[in-house]
Amino acid sequence: MRLNEPGISNNPIRFRAANAGFMFLAGLRQGEHMITIRKGVDRGHANHGWLDTHHTFSFANYYHPDHMGYRALRVINEDRINPGAGFPTHPHESMEIITYVLEGALAHKDSTGGGGVITPGMVQYMSAGSGVTHSEYNASETDPLHLYQIWLLPAERGGAPRYEERKVAESVNGALTLIASPDGRNGSFAIRQDASLYAANVKEGNSLSHELEKGRYGWLQIAKGGVELPEGSIMQAGDGAKISEETRISFRALADSEILLFDLP
């Protein structure tokens, strides 16, 4: 998706912040020791008719100086797209883009020759590199499309654009499955940032945890269901949490849940 769609701001300051926000990594506060929940109802929201979208971080017409991204994580958008609607061909540069479909089917086509239809249980990765154009549409003329789109800042600008897609449905059931990593280990996408993305489907009552190395940060995003954190905080679908100065991220599913977990520099 792009920043100058109908209803999306062309404000040059916000455009630079969203599409070239490398200054954020250097300006982050250090020494925080906490888990801070960002409630889904507090996210930016826009309904363009064909697109109903929620922005965890500042994006397009939604701007909040306290929510410009977190570490290398720049965008988490939850989109619901009407049948047959979508984003026509538009450009990206120097951004790592991951799309995670919850319901429906996403048709993608880009200038690298990549493209296909992404359905639940599949994940799509596109590295914009030195520049790429692509389009994204709801592949169905009858059914809605529900997805999360994630943007990460690359460690360096440029590089050859690339596209991949992968089926992960079986591996994410009941376990934190590595979706993206800097070295492509365990069959994950090899992305241009020292960040890792995990996904999991968790049955009600089951618990999962992830160890964070010293100096690493986390972001937990609830895509479906709800979870309870060890200190008793409740997170529901749409909620996110930034984690700093912690050695472990743990949660227990209060309902059948689908989560995304980021391990960040």
Protein backbone atom coordinates (compact mmCIF):
# COMPACT_ATOMS: atom_id res chain seq x y z
CA MET A 1 0.00 0.00 0.00
CA ARG A 2 1.15 3.57 -0.52
CA LEU A 3 0.92 6.86 1.33
CA ASN A 4 -0.83 8.90 -1.35
CA GLU A 5 -3.96 6.82 -1.82
CA PRO A 6 -7.30 8.70 -1.58
CA GLY A 7 -7.70 9.85 1.99
CA ILE A 8 -3.98 9.40 2.69
CA SER A 9 -1.89 12.47 3.43
CA ASN A 10 0.70 13.88 1.04
CA ASN A 11 2.16 15.99 3.88
CA PRO A 12 5.91 15.81 3.09
CA ILE A 13 6.93 15.60 6.77
CA ARG A 14 4.67 12.63 7.38
CA PHE A 15 5.67 11.05 4.08
CA ARG A 16 9.35 11.19 5.00
CA ALA A 17 8.59 9.87 8.48
CA ALA A 18 6.74 6.86 7.13
CA ASN A 19 8.77 6.00 4.08
CA ALA A 20 12.29 6.99 5.12
CA GLY A 21 12.29 6.97 8.88
CA PHE A 22 15.88 5.89 9.57
CA MET A 23 16.30 8.58 12.23
CA PHE A 24 14.01 6.72 14.63
CA LEU A 25 16.55 4.06 15.60
CA ALA A 26 19.08 6.64 16.78
CA GLY A 27 16.58 8.72 18.74
CA LEU A 28 14.99 6.06 20.94
CA ARG A 29 15.02 6.42 24.71
CA GLN A 30 17.14 3.85 26.52
CA GLY A 31 16.85 2.28 29.96
CA GLU A 32 13.12 1.58 29.89
CA HIS A 33 12.11 -1.56 31.79
CA MET A 34 8.52 -2.35 31.06
CA ILE A 35 5.80 -3.84 28.94
CA THR A 36 3.65 -1.05 27.56
CA ILE A 37 0.35 -2.05 25.96
CA ARG A 38 -1.06 -0.07 23.05
CA LYS A 39 -4.77 -0.81 22.98
CA GLY A 40 -6.31 -1.53 19.61
CA VAL A 41 -9.05 1.04 20.19
CA ASP A 42 -6.39 3.74 20.55
CA ARG A 43 -4.87 3.13 17.12
CA GLY A 44 -5.33 5.49 14.23
CA HIS A 45 -8.41 4.62 12.17
CA ALA A 46 -9.67 5.50 8.72
CA ASN A 47 -12.57 4.16 6.70
CA HIS A 48 -12.31 4.97 2.99
CA GLY A 49 -15.34 2.87 2.08
CA TRP A 50 -13.39 0.22 0.19
CA LEU A 51 -10.71 0.11 2.92
CA ASP A 52 -11.22 0.04 6.69
CA THR A 53 -7.79 0.38 8.30
CA HIS A 54 -6.21 0.71 11.75
CA HIS A 55 -2.69 2.10 12.21
CA THR A 56 -0.64 1.08 15.23
CA PHE A 57 1.94 3.73 14.31
CA SER A 58 1.72 7.09 12.54
CA PHE A 59 0.74 6.53 8.91
CA ALA A 60 -0.93 8.58 6.21
CA ASN A 61 -3.47 11.00 7.75
CA TYR A 62 -2.89 9.57 11.22
CA TYR A 63 -0.04 11.25 13.06
CA HIS A 64 0.95 10.86 16.71
CA PRO A 65 4.43 11.94 17.84
CA ASP A 66 4.49 9.25 20.54
CA HIS A 67 3.71 6.48 18.04
CA MET A 68 6.15 6.85 15.15
CA GLY A 69 7.26 3.21 15.23
CA TYR A 70 9.23 1.06 17.62
CA ARG A 71 12.91 0.25 17.03
CA ALA A 72 13.15 -1.09 13.44
CA LEU A 73 9.38 -1.63 13.31
CA ARG A 74 7.77 1.21 11.37
CA VAL A 75 4.27 0.14 10.32
CA ILE A 76 1.65 -2.30 11.61
CA ASN A 77 -1.56 -1.76 9.67
CA GLU A 78 -4.64 -3.93 10.09
CA ASP A 79 -6.63 -3.67 6.86
CA ARG A 80 -10.07 -4.86 5.82
CA ILE A 81 -10.54 -4.54 2.07
CA ASN A 82 -13.84 -4.86 0.23
CA PRO A 83 -14.33 -7.53 -2.47
CA GLY A 84 -12.55 -6.61 -5.69
CA ALA A 85 -10.99 -3.47 -4.20
CA GLY A 86 -7.36 -2.70 -3.48
CA PHE A 87 -4.27 -0.62 -4.08
CA PRO A 88 -3.31 0.06 -7.72
CA THR A 89 0.33 0.00 -8.79
CA HIS A 90 2.46 2.22 -6.55
CA PRO A 91 6.14 2.52 -5.56
CA HIS A 92 8.20 1.66 -2.46
CA GLU A 93 11.87 2.11 -1.67
CA SER A 94 14.12 0.91 1.19
CA MET A 95 11.47 -0.90 3.21
CA GLU A 96 10.98 -4.52 4.29
CA ILE A 97 7.29 -5.36 3.84
CA ILE A 98 5.58 -8.46 5.25
CA THR A 99 1.90 -9.24 4.69
CA TYR A 100 0.04 -11.70 6.91
CA VAL A 101 -3.46 -12.68 5.74
CA LEU A 102 -6.08 -13.56 8.36
CA GLU A 103 -9.15 -13.98 6.14
CA GLY A 104 -9.78 -13.90 2.40
CA ALA A 105 -7.30 -13.79 -0.47
CA LEU A 106 -4.77 -11.13 -1.49
CA ALA A 107 -3.69 -10.81 -5.14
CA HIS A 108 -0.21 -9.30 -5.51
CA LYS A 109 1.86 -8.33 -8.53
CA ASP A 110 5.15 -6.42 -8.60
CA SER A 111 7.90 -5.18 -10.89
CA THR A 112 10.31 -7.96 -9.86
CA GLY A 113 8.03 -10.45 -11.60
CA GLY A 114 6.77 -11.67 -8.24
CA GLY A 115 3.11 -12.21 -7.58
CA GLY A 116 0.42 -14.62 -6.62
CA VAL A 117 -2.57 -15.05 -4.35
CA ILE A 118 -1.94 -15.11 -0.60
CA THR A 119 -4.47 -16.85 1.65
CA PRO A 120 -4.63 -17.58 5.41
CA GLY A 121 -1.72 -19.77 6.41
CA MET A 122 0.57 -18.01 3.93
CA VAL A 123 2.92 -15.06 4.40
CA GLN A 124 4.29 -12.66 1.78
CA TYR A 125 7.61 -10.80 1.90
CA MET A 126 8.77 -8.00 -0.37
CA SER A 127 12.03 -6.11 0.03
CA ALA A 128 11.60 -2.79 -1.76
CA GLY A 129 15.36 -2.26 -1.96
CA SER A 130 16.42 0.39 -4.47
CA GLY A 131 12.85 0.67 -5.72
CA VAL A 132 9.88 -1.48 -6.67
CA THR A 133 6.31 -1.00 -7.83
CA HIS A 134 3.47 -3.33 -6.93
CA SER A 135 -0.30 -3.66 -6.67
CA GLU A 136 -2.45 -5.37 -4.04
CA TYR A 137 -6.10 -6.32 -4.43
CA ASN A 138 -8.73 -8.43 -2.79
CA ALA A 139 -8.70 -11.46 -5.10
CA SER A 140 -12.38 -12.20 -4.43
CA GLU A 141 -15.37 -10.39 -5.91
CA THR A 142 -17.60 -11.63 -3.08
CA ASP A 143 -15.59 -12.09 0.13
CA PRO A 144 -13.86 -9.48 2.30
CA LEU A 145 -10.09 -9.51 2.90
CA HIS A 146 -8.54 -9.08 6.37
CA LEU A 147 -4.78 -8.76 6.77
CA TYR A 148 -1.89 -7.25 8.66
CA GLN A 149 0.77 -5.39 6.73
CA ILE A 150 4.10 -4.80 8.45
CA TRP A 151 6.94 -2.50 7.44
CA LEU A 152 10.43 -2.75 8.89
CA LEU A 153 13.26 -0.32 8.25
CA PRO A 154 16.17 -2.08 6.53
CA ALA A 155 19.64 -1.90 8.07
CA GLU A 156 20.86 -0.14 4.92
CA ARG A 157 19.16 1.56 2.02
CA GLY A 158 19.05 0.11 -1.46
CA GLY A 159 19.80 -3.36 -2.73
CA ALA A 160 18.00 -5.37 -5.37
CA PRO A 161 14.24 -5.67 -4.78
CA ARG A 162 12.99 -9.17 -4.09
CA TYR A 163 9.76 -11.04 -3.46
CA GLU A 164 8.89 -14.32 -1.71
CA GLU A 165 5.82 -16.07 -0.40
CA ARG A 166 5.56 -19.06 1.88
CA LYS A 167 3.03 -21.40 3.46
CA VAL A 168 3.33 -21.57 7.26
CA ALA A 169 -0.09 -22.86 8.31
CA GLU A 170 0.96 -26.15 9.88
CA SER A 171 4.10 -24.93 11.63
CA VAL A 172 2.44 -22.03 13.46
CA ASN A 173 -0.14 -24.22 15.19
CA GLY A 174 0.73 -24.31 18.88
CA ALA A 175 4.28 -22.98 18.53
CA LEU A 176 6.14 -19.75 17.87
CA THR A 177 7.28 -20.24 14.29
CA LEU A 178 10.02 -18.09 12.79
CA ILE A 179 8.66 -16.23 9.77
CA ALA A 180 11.45 -13.74 9.05
CA SER A 181 15.04 -13.36 10.28
CA PRO A 182 18.29 -11.67 9.23
CA ASP A 183 19.91 -14.98 8.22
CA GLY A 184 16.93 -16.91 6.85
CA ARG A 185 17.36 -19.68 9.41
CA ASN A 186 14.82 -22.46 9.81
CA GLY A 187 13.30 -21.73 6.43
CA SER A 188 12.33 -18.14 7.28
CA PHE A 189 12.48 -15.15 4.97
CA ALA A 190 15.97 -13.58 5.02
CA ILE A 191 15.24 -9.90 5.58
CA ARG A 192 17.55 -6.87 5.47
CA GLN A 193 17.36 -6.07 9.17
CA ASP A 194 18.55 -7.69 12.41
CA ALA A 195 14.95 -8.43 13.39
CA SER A 196 12.96 -11.64 13.70
CA LEU A 197 9.23 -12.16 13.29
CA TYR A 198 7.42 -15.13 14.84
CA ALA A 199 3.78 -16.19 14.41
CA ALA A 200 1.66 -18.62 16.38
CA ASN A 201 -1.86 -20.00 16.61
CA VAL A 202 -2.47 -20.76 20.30
CA LYS A 203 -5.34 -22.78 21.70
CA GLU A 204 -7.26 -21.45 24.67
CA GLY A 205 -5.43 -22.18 27.92
CA ASN A 206 -2.05 -22.84 26.31
CA SER A 207 1.03 -20.73 27.04
CA LEU A 208 4.05 -19.70 24.98
CA SER A 209 7.22 -17.78 25.75
CA HIS A 210 10.21 -16.34 23.94
CA GLU A 211 13.64 -15.49 25.33
CA LEU A 212 15.08 -12.07 24.56
CA GLU A 213 18.83 -11.61 24.54
CA LYS A 214 20.36 -8.68 26.40
CA GLY A 215 19.93 -5.47 24.46
CA ARG A 216 17.03 -6.80 22.40
CA TYR A 217 13.46 -5.48 22.36
CA GLY A 218 10.09 -7.06 21.64
CA TRP A 219 6.71 -6.21 20.20
CA LEU A 220 3.71 -8.51 20.72
CA GLN A 221 0.72 -8.05 18.42
CA ILE A 222 -2.59 -9.86 18.98
CA ALA A 223 -4.20 -10.60 15.61
CA LYS A 224 -7.06 -12.76 16.91
CA GLY A 225 -8.35 -13.83 20.32
CA GLY A 226 -6.79 -12.61 23.53
CA VAL A 227 -3.96 -13.38 25.93
CA GLU A 228 -2.94 -12.77 29.53
CA LEU A 229 0.56 -11.61 30.43
CA PRO A 230 2.34 -12.92 33.56
CA GLU A 231 1.60 -9.78 35.60
CA GLY A 232 -2.12 -10.12 34.81
CA SER A 233 -2.53 -7.65 31.97
CA ILE A 234 -5.05 -8.67 29.32
CA MET A 235 -4.47 -8.13 25.61
CA GLN A 236 -7.22 -8.52 23.02
CA ALA A 237 -7.30 -8.63 19.22
CA GLY A 238 -5.80 -5.42 17.85
CA ASP A 239 -3.71 -4.72 20.94
CA GLY A 240 0.07 -4.48 20.78
CA ALA A 241 2.77 -4.26 23.44
CA LYS A 242 6.31 -2.93 23.37
CA ILE A 243 8.76 -4.82 25.55
CA SER A 244 12.10 -3.46 26.73
CA GLU A 245 14.77 -4.56 29.21
CA GLU A 246 13.09 -7.96 29.64
CA THR A 247 14.62 -11.39 29.21
CA ARG A 248 11.42 -13.27 28.39
CA ILE A 249 8.07 -12.62 26.75
CA SER A 250 5.36 -14.96 28.06
CA PHE A 251 1.60 -15.13 27.61
CA ARG A 252 -1.36 -17.49 28.08
CA ALA A 253 -4.20 -17.66 25.55
CA LEU A 254 -7.61 -16.75 26.98
CA ALA A 255 -9.26 -17.91 23.74
CA ASP A 256 -8.03 -19.50 20.55
CA SER A 257 -5.60 -16.79 19.44
CA GLU A 258 -3.31 -15.76 16.63
CA ILE A 259 -0.29 -13.65 17.51
CA LEU A 260 2.72 -11.98 15.91
CA LEU A 261 5.91 -11.50 17.94
CA PHE A 262 8.85 -9.31 16.92
CA ASP A 263 12.41 -9.64 18.30
CA LEU A 264 14.02 -6.26 17.53
CA PRO A 265 17.42 -4.59 17.67
